[in-house]
């Protein structure tokens, strides 16, 4: 037999982050990390990293373009005990955040054409971006 509970056990509040702008805070991308972490992207262009044991984000960063975050991914790093880097994507830029120091930008990849989606080749550092560019 299953017990159904109408109330949520826990809740993550995107408004709890100090850097998040007021107004509509729609979530546009979500991805679970391997170590009780979760990346969240908003329609206002913010990236947040949560520890699932806490209701407020560990870190919140603005992509600075005001475009919705299209994708959040975690890229594992070679080496034992290294934390995965978080990758956040909007239509203009791919930002890779340091896994050891959450919120510290590792690198940025800008595209001359709008980005639709990306994929990562596991543990290699290779990024493939699908863009609105005609060739």
N, C-alpha and C. Protein backbone atom coordinates (compact mmCIF):
# COMPACT_ATOMS: atom_id res chain seq x y z
N UNK A 1 0.85 -1.19 0.00
CA UNK A 1 0.00 0.00 0.00
C UNK A 1 0.88 1.24 0.00
N UNK A 2 0.41 2.27 -0.67
CA UNK A 2 1.15 3.52 -0.76
C UNK A 2 0.41 4.60 0.02
N UNK A 3 1.17 5.49 0.61
CA UNK A 3 0.62 6.62 1.34
C UNK A 3 0.81 7.86 0.48
N UNK A 4 -0.24 8.57 0.20
CA UNK A 4 -0.15 9.78 -0.61
C UNK A 4 -0.22 10.99 0.31
N UNK A 5 0.73 11.90 0.14
CA UNK A 5 0.81 13.11 0.97
C UNK A 5 0.59 14.31 0.07
N UNK A 6 -0.33 15.17 0.44
CA UNK A 6 -0.65 16.34 -0.38
C UNK A 6 0.37 17.46 -0.22
N UNK A 7 1.02 17.54 0.92
CA UNK A 7 2.01 18.60 1.17
C UNK A 7 3.38 18.15 0.70
N UNK A 8 4.19 19.12 0.26
CA UNK A 8 5.55 18.80 -0.14
C UNK A 8 6.42 18.63 1.10
N UNK A 9 7.42 17.78 1.00
CA UNK A 9 8.33 17.56 2.12
C UNK A 9 9.35 18.67 2.23
N UNK A 10 9.72 19.24 1.10
CA UNK A 10 10.71 20.30 1.08
C UNK A 10 10.44 21.17 -0.13
N UNK A 11 11.06 22.33 -0.15
CA UNK A 11 10.83 23.25 -1.25
C UNK A 11 12.10 24.08 -1.46
N UNK A 12 12.44 24.31 -2.72
CA UNK A 12 13.56 25.17 -3.08
C UNK A 12 12.99 26.46 -3.61
N UNK A 13 13.42 27.58 -3.05
CA UNK A 13 12.85 28.87 -3.39
C UNK A 13 13.83 29.67 -4.24
N UNK A 14 13.51 29.88 -5.50
CA UNK A 14 14.38 30.67 -6.39
C UNK A 14 14.45 32.12 -5.95
N UNK A 15 13.44 32.59 -5.24
CA UNK A 15 13.44 33.98 -4.78
C UNK A 15 14.37 34.20 -3.60
N UNK A 16 14.88 33.14 -2.99
CA UNK A 16 15.73 33.26 -1.81
C UNK A 16 17.13 33.74 -2.16
N UNK A 17 17.52 33.69 -3.41
CA UNK A 17 18.85 34.13 -3.82
C UNK A 17 18.90 35.64 -3.88
N UNK A 18 19.91 36.23 -3.28
CA UNK A 18 20.01 37.68 -3.20
C UNK A 18 20.15 38.37 -4.54
N UNK A 19 20.75 37.71 -5.53
CA UNK A 19 21.04 38.35 -6.81
C UNK A 19 19.87 38.28 -7.79
N UNK A 20 18.88 37.48 -7.49
CA UNK A 20 17.77 37.28 -8.41
C UNK A 20 16.91 38.53 -8.47
N UNK A 21 16.59 38.96 -9.68
CA UNK A 21 15.77 40.15 -9.85
C UNK A 21 14.32 39.85 -9.52
N UNK A 22 13.59 40.89 -9.17
CA UNK A 22 12.18 40.71 -8.84
C UNK A 22 11.36 40.57 -10.11
N UNK A 23 10.17 40.07 -9.95
CA UNK A 23 9.29 39.87 -11.10
C UNK A 23 9.16 38.39 -11.37
N UNK A 24 8.80 38.05 -12.61
CA UNK A 24 8.61 36.65 -12.97
C UNK A 24 9.89 35.87 -12.87
N UNK A 25 9.91 34.84 -12.06
CA UNK A 25 11.07 33.98 -11.90
C UNK A 25 10.72 32.58 -12.35
N UNK A 26 10.44 32.42 -13.62
CA UNK A 26 10.13 31.10 -14.13
C UNK A 26 11.38 30.27 -14.27
N UNK A 27 11.29 29.00 -13.93
CA UNK A 27 12.41 28.08 -14.09
C UNK A 27 12.39 27.55 -15.52
N UNK A 28 13.52 27.68 -16.21
CA UNK A 28 13.60 27.27 -17.61
C UNK A 28 14.48 26.04 -17.84
N UNK A 29 15.31 25.68 -16.85
CA UNK A 29 16.18 24.51 -16.98
C UNK A 29 16.51 23.96 -15.60
N UNK A 30 16.59 22.64 -15.50
CA UNK A 30 16.92 21.98 -14.24
C UNK A 30 17.76 20.75 -14.54
N UNK A 31 18.77 20.51 -13.71
CA UNK A 31 19.59 19.30 -13.87
C UNK A 31 20.14 18.90 -12.50
N UNK A 32 20.08 17.61 -12.20
CA UNK A 32 20.66 17.10 -10.96
C UNK A 32 22.13 16.80 -11.16
N UNK A 33 22.94 17.15 -10.14
CA UNK A 33 24.34 16.77 -10.10
C UNK A 33 24.45 15.45 -9.36
N UNK A 34 25.63 14.89 -9.28
CA UNK A 34 25.78 13.59 -8.65
C UNK A 34 25.93 13.61 -7.15
N UNK A 35 26.10 14.75 -6.54
CA UNK A 35 26.42 14.81 -5.11
C UNK A 35 25.40 15.65 -4.33
N UNK A 36 24.13 15.35 -4.47
CA UNK A 36 23.05 16.09 -3.81
C UNK A 36 23.00 17.55 -4.23
N UNK A 37 23.46 17.83 -5.44
CA UNK A 37 23.38 19.20 -5.95
C UNK A 37 22.41 19.24 -7.12
N UNK A 38 21.90 20.44 -7.37
CA UNK A 38 20.98 20.63 -8.48
C UNK A 38 21.23 22.02 -9.07
N UNK A 39 21.33 22.07 -10.39
CA UNK A 39 21.46 23.34 -11.09
C UNK A 39 20.11 23.78 -11.61
N UNK A 40 19.82 25.07 -11.46
CA UNK A 40 18.54 25.63 -11.91
C UNK A 40 18.84 26.86 -12.76
N UNK A 41 18.18 26.96 -13.91
CA UNK A 41 18.27 28.15 -14.76
C UNK A 41 16.91 28.81 -14.81
N UNK A 42 16.90 30.15 -14.86
CA UNK A 42 15.63 30.88 -14.86
C UNK A 42 15.42 31.59 -16.19
N UNK A 43 14.19 32.03 -16.40
CA UNK A 43 13.87 32.75 -17.63
C UNK A 43 14.42 34.17 -17.63
N UNK A 44 14.94 34.63 -16.49
CA UNK A 44 15.57 35.95 -16.44
C UNK A 44 17.08 35.88 -16.64
N UNK A 45 17.62 34.67 -16.91
CA UNK A 45 19.04 34.53 -17.20
C UNK A 45 19.92 34.28 -16.00
N UNK A 46 19.37 33.78 -14.92
CA UNK A 46 20.15 33.47 -13.73
C UNK A 46 20.40 31.97 -13.64
N UNK A 47 21.58 31.61 -13.12
CA UNK A 47 21.96 30.24 -12.86
C UNK A 47 22.10 30.10 -11.35
N UNK A 48 21.48 29.06 -10.80
CA UNK A 48 21.58 28.83 -9.36
C UNK A 48 22.03 27.40 -9.11
N UNK A 49 22.87 27.24 -8.09
CA UNK A 49 23.32 25.92 -7.66
C UNK A 49 22.76 25.68 -6.27
N UNK A 50 22.04 24.58 -6.11
CA UNK A 50 21.44 24.22 -4.83
C UNK A 50 22.12 23.00 -4.25
N UNK A 51 22.23 22.97 -2.93
CA UNK A 51 22.47 21.75 -2.18
C UNK A 51 21.08 21.29 -1.78
N UNK A 52 20.69 20.09 -2.14
CA UNK A 52 19.32 19.64 -1.92
C UNK A 52 18.94 19.55 -0.45
N UNK A 53 19.90 19.69 0.44
CA UNK A 53 19.60 19.66 1.87
C UNK A 53 19.22 21.03 2.41
N UNK A 54 19.32 22.07 1.57
CA UNK A 54 19.03 23.44 2.01
C UNK A 54 18.03 24.09 1.06
N UNK A 55 17.12 24.94 1.57
CA UNK A 55 16.11 25.56 0.71
C UNK A 55 16.62 26.73 -0.13
N UNK A 56 17.71 27.35 0.29
CA UNK A 56 18.25 28.51 -0.44
C UNK A 56 19.43 28.07 -1.31
N UNK A 57 19.65 28.74 -2.44
CA UNK A 57 20.77 28.35 -3.31
C UNK A 57 22.12 28.62 -2.65
N UNK A 58 23.09 27.77 -2.98
CA UNK A 58 24.46 27.95 -2.53
C UNK A 58 25.06 29.15 -3.25
N UNK A 59 24.72 29.28 -4.53
CA UNK A 59 25.25 30.37 -5.35
C UNK A 59 24.22 30.73 -6.42
N UNK A 60 24.22 32.01 -6.79
CA UNK A 60 23.37 32.50 -7.87
C UNK A 60 24.20 33.45 -8.72
N UNK A 61 24.22 33.22 -10.02
CA UNK A 61 24.98 34.07 -10.94
C UNK A 61 24.10 34.49 -12.11
N UNK A 62 24.34 35.70 -12.59
CA UNK A 62 23.59 36.27 -13.70
C UNK A 62 24.40 36.10 -14.99
N UNK A 63 23.78 35.63 -16.05
CA UNK A 63 24.45 35.50 -17.35
C UNK A 63 24.67 36.86 -18.00
N UNK A 64 23.98 37.88 -17.55
CA UNK A 64 24.14 39.28 -17.98
C UNK A 64 23.56 39.59 -19.36
N UNK A 65 22.78 38.68 -19.94
CA UNK A 65 22.14 38.98 -21.22
C UNK A 65 20.63 39.10 -21.10
N UNK A 66 20.07 38.69 -19.96
CA UNK A 66 18.63 38.74 -19.77
C UNK A 66 17.86 37.70 -20.57
N UNK A 67 18.56 36.74 -21.12
CA UNK A 67 17.93 35.67 -21.91
C UNK A 67 17.69 34.45 -21.04
N UNK A 68 16.65 33.68 -21.32
CA UNK A 68 16.39 32.48 -20.52
C UNK A 68 17.54 31.48 -20.62
N UNK A 69 17.82 30.82 -19.52
CA UNK A 69 18.79 29.73 -19.52
C UNK A 69 18.13 28.55 -20.23
N UNK A 70 18.80 28.05 -21.27
CA UNK A 70 18.23 26.96 -22.07
C UNK A 70 18.60 25.58 -21.55
N UNK A 71 19.77 25.48 -20.94
CA UNK A 71 20.25 24.16 -20.53
C UNK A 71 21.22 24.29 -19.37
N UNK A 72 21.15 23.34 -18.46
CA UNK A 72 22.11 23.19 -17.36
C UNK A 72 22.65 21.77 -17.46
N UNK A 73 23.96 21.63 -17.38
CA UNK A 73 24.60 20.31 -17.41
C UNK A 73 25.70 20.26 -16.37
N UNK A 74 26.09 19.07 -15.97
CA UNK A 74 27.24 18.88 -15.10
C UNK A 74 28.27 18.07 -15.87
N UNK A 75 29.51 18.58 -15.93
CA UNK A 75 30.61 17.93 -16.65
C UNK A 75 31.58 17.36 -15.64
N UNK A 76 31.69 16.03 -15.60
CA UNK A 76 32.62 15.41 -14.66
C UNK A 76 34.05 15.71 -15.08
N UNK A 77 34.93 15.79 -14.07
CA UNK A 77 36.34 16.08 -14.32
C UNK A 77 37.16 14.82 -14.07
N UNK A 78 38.22 14.62 -14.86
CA UNK A 78 39.08 13.48 -14.59
C UNK A 78 39.79 13.66 -13.25
N UNK A 79 40.01 12.58 -12.56
CA UNK A 79 40.69 12.65 -11.27
C UNK A 79 39.74 12.29 -10.14
N UNK A 80 40.26 11.59 -9.19
CA UNK A 80 39.44 11.11 -8.09
C UNK A 80 39.09 12.25 -7.14
N UNK A 81 37.83 12.34 -6.77
CA UNK A 81 37.39 13.31 -5.78
C UNK A 81 37.13 14.71 -6.31
N UNK A 82 37.28 14.94 -7.61
CA UNK A 82 37.03 16.27 -8.16
C UNK A 82 35.54 16.45 -8.41
N UNK A 83 35.03 17.63 -8.05
CA UNK A 83 33.61 17.92 -8.26
C UNK A 83 33.36 18.30 -9.71
N UNK A 84 32.18 17.95 -10.18
CA UNK A 84 31.80 18.23 -11.57
C UNK A 84 31.63 19.73 -11.79
N UNK A 85 32.03 20.18 -12.96
CA UNK A 85 31.79 21.57 -13.35
C UNK A 85 30.35 21.71 -13.81
N UNK A 86 29.75 22.86 -13.52
CA UNK A 86 28.39 23.11 -13.97
C UNK A 86 28.44 23.95 -15.24
N UNK A 87 27.64 23.61 -16.22
CA UNK A 87 27.59 24.31 -17.50
C UNK A 87 26.20 24.90 -17.65
N UNK A 88 26.13 26.22 -17.91
CA UNK A 88 24.84 26.87 -18.14
C UNK A 88 24.87 27.55 -19.50
N UNK A 89 23.73 27.49 -20.20
CA UNK A 89 23.67 27.93 -21.59
C UNK A 89 22.46 28.83 -21.80
N UNK A 90 22.69 29.98 -22.45
CA UNK A 90 21.58 30.78 -22.98
C UNK A 90 21.80 30.90 -24.49
N UNK A 91 21.04 31.72 -25.16
CA UNK A 91 21.13 31.81 -26.62
C UNK A 91 22.43 32.44 -27.12
N UNK A 92 23.16 33.16 -26.25
CA UNK A 92 24.38 33.84 -26.67
C UNK A 92 25.67 33.19 -26.19
N UNK A 93 25.63 32.54 -25.03
CA UNK A 93 26.88 32.13 -24.40
C UNK A 93 26.73 30.81 -23.65
N UNK A 94 27.85 30.07 -23.59
CA UNK A 94 27.98 28.88 -22.76
C UNK A 94 28.94 29.26 -21.64
N UNK A 95 28.50 29.13 -20.40
CA UNK A 95 29.36 29.44 -19.26
C UNK A 95 29.64 28.16 -18.50
N UNK A 96 30.92 27.94 -18.20
CA UNK A 96 31.34 26.77 -17.44
C UNK A 96 31.85 27.26 -16.10
N UNK A 97 31.24 26.74 -15.03
CA UNK A 97 31.52 27.17 -13.67
C UNK A 97 32.41 26.15 -12.97
N UNK A 98 33.36 26.63 -12.20
CA UNK A 98 34.32 25.79 -11.49
C UNK A 98 33.61 24.85 -10.52
N UNK A 99 33.98 23.58 -10.52
CA UNK A 99 33.36 22.61 -9.63
C UNK A 99 33.88 22.67 -8.21
N UNK A 100 35.13 23.09 -8.05
CA UNK A 100 35.73 23.14 -6.71
C UNK A 100 35.34 24.41 -5.96
N UNK A 101 35.11 25.50 -6.68
CA UNK A 101 34.71 26.77 -6.08
C UNK A 101 33.40 27.22 -6.71
N UNK A 102 32.26 26.78 -6.16
CA UNK A 102 30.96 27.10 -6.77
C UNK A 102 30.78 28.60 -6.98
N UNK A 103 30.31 28.96 -8.15
CA UNK A 103 30.08 30.36 -8.47
C UNK A 103 31.24 31.05 -9.15
N UNK A 104 32.43 30.42 -9.14
CA UNK A 104 33.58 30.99 -9.83
C UNK A 104 33.55 30.54 -11.28
N UNK A 105 33.62 31.50 -12.18
CA UNK A 105 33.56 31.20 -13.61
C UNK A 105 34.87 30.56 -14.06
N UNK A 106 34.78 29.40 -14.71
CA UNK A 106 35.94 28.71 -15.24
C UNK A 106 36.27 29.24 -16.63
N UNK A 107 35.27 29.28 -17.51
CA UNK A 107 35.46 29.84 -18.85
C UNK A 107 34.11 30.17 -19.48
N UNK A 108 34.16 30.97 -20.55
CA UNK A 108 32.98 31.36 -21.30
C UNK A 108 33.23 31.07 -22.78
N UNK A 109 32.22 30.52 -23.44
CA UNK A 109 32.29 30.28 -24.89
C UNK A 109 31.16 31.07 -25.52
N UNK A 110 31.51 32.09 -26.31
CA UNK A 110 30.50 32.91 -26.98
C UNK A 110 30.28 32.41 -28.39
N UNK A 111 29.04 32.55 -28.85
CA UNK A 111 28.70 32.11 -30.20
C UNK A 111 28.21 33.30 -31.02
N UNK A 112 28.66 33.42 -32.29
CA UNK A 112 28.15 34.50 -33.13
C UNK A 112 26.70 34.27 -33.56
N UNK A 113 26.25 33.02 -33.50
CA UNK A 113 24.87 32.67 -33.87
C UNK A 113 24.13 32.21 -32.61
N UNK A 114 22.81 32.38 -32.57
CA UNK A 114 22.05 31.94 -31.39
C UNK A 114 22.21 30.43 -31.14
N UNK A 115 22.42 30.09 -29.87
CA UNK A 115 22.59 28.70 -29.45
C UNK A 115 21.23 28.10 -29.15
N UNK A 116 20.95 26.93 -29.73
CA UNK A 116 19.71 26.21 -29.45
C UNK A 116 19.89 25.18 -28.34
N UNK A 117 21.00 24.45 -28.36
CA UNK A 117 21.23 23.38 -27.41
C UNK A 117 22.71 23.01 -27.43
N UNK A 118 23.17 22.29 -26.41
CA UNK A 118 24.53 21.77 -26.40
C UNK A 118 24.51 20.35 -25.86
N UNK A 119 25.59 19.64 -26.13
CA UNK A 119 25.82 18.35 -25.47
C UNK A 119 27.31 18.26 -25.17
N UNK A 120 27.63 17.49 -24.15
CA UNK A 120 29.01 17.31 -23.71
C UNK A 120 29.41 15.86 -23.92
N UNK A 121 30.62 15.66 -24.40
CA UNK A 121 31.15 14.30 -24.50
C UNK A 121 31.78 13.97 -23.16
N UNK A 122 31.29 12.93 -22.53
CA UNK A 122 31.65 12.58 -21.16
C UNK A 122 33.14 12.61 -20.87
N UNK A 123 33.51 13.33 -19.82
CA UNK A 123 34.88 13.38 -19.28
C UNK A 123 35.95 13.75 -20.29
N UNK A 124 35.59 14.47 -21.35
CA UNK A 124 36.58 14.83 -22.37
C UNK A 124 36.81 16.33 -22.47
N UNK A 125 35.82 17.13 -22.07
CA UNK A 125 35.91 18.57 -22.24
C UNK A 125 35.39 19.03 -23.59
N UNK A 126 34.95 18.09 -24.44
CA UNK A 126 34.44 18.45 -25.75
C UNK A 126 32.98 18.88 -25.66
N UNK A 127 32.67 20.03 -26.29
CA UNK A 127 31.33 20.60 -26.29
C UNK A 127 30.85 20.70 -27.73
N UNK A 128 29.63 20.23 -27.98
CA UNK A 128 29.01 20.37 -29.29
C UNK A 128 27.80 21.28 -29.13
N UNK A 129 27.76 22.37 -29.89
CA UNK A 129 26.65 23.33 -29.80
C UNK A 129 25.84 23.31 -31.09
N UNK A 130 24.52 23.27 -30.93
CA UNK A 130 23.61 23.38 -32.07
C UNK A 130 23.18 24.84 -32.16
N UNK A 131 23.56 25.51 -33.25
CA UNK A 131 23.32 26.95 -33.39
C UNK A 131 22.46 27.26 -34.62
N UNK A 132 21.89 28.46 -34.63
CA UNK A 132 21.07 28.94 -35.75
C UNK A 132 21.95 29.57 -36.82
N UNK A 133 22.88 28.81 -37.35
CA UNK A 133 23.80 29.35 -38.35
C UNK A 133 23.65 28.52 -39.63
N UNK A 134 23.53 29.19 -40.75
CA UNK A 134 23.38 28.49 -42.03
C UNK A 134 24.74 28.34 -42.69
N UNK A 135 25.05 27.15 -43.14
CA UNK A 135 26.34 26.89 -43.79
C UNK A 135 26.10 26.24 -45.13
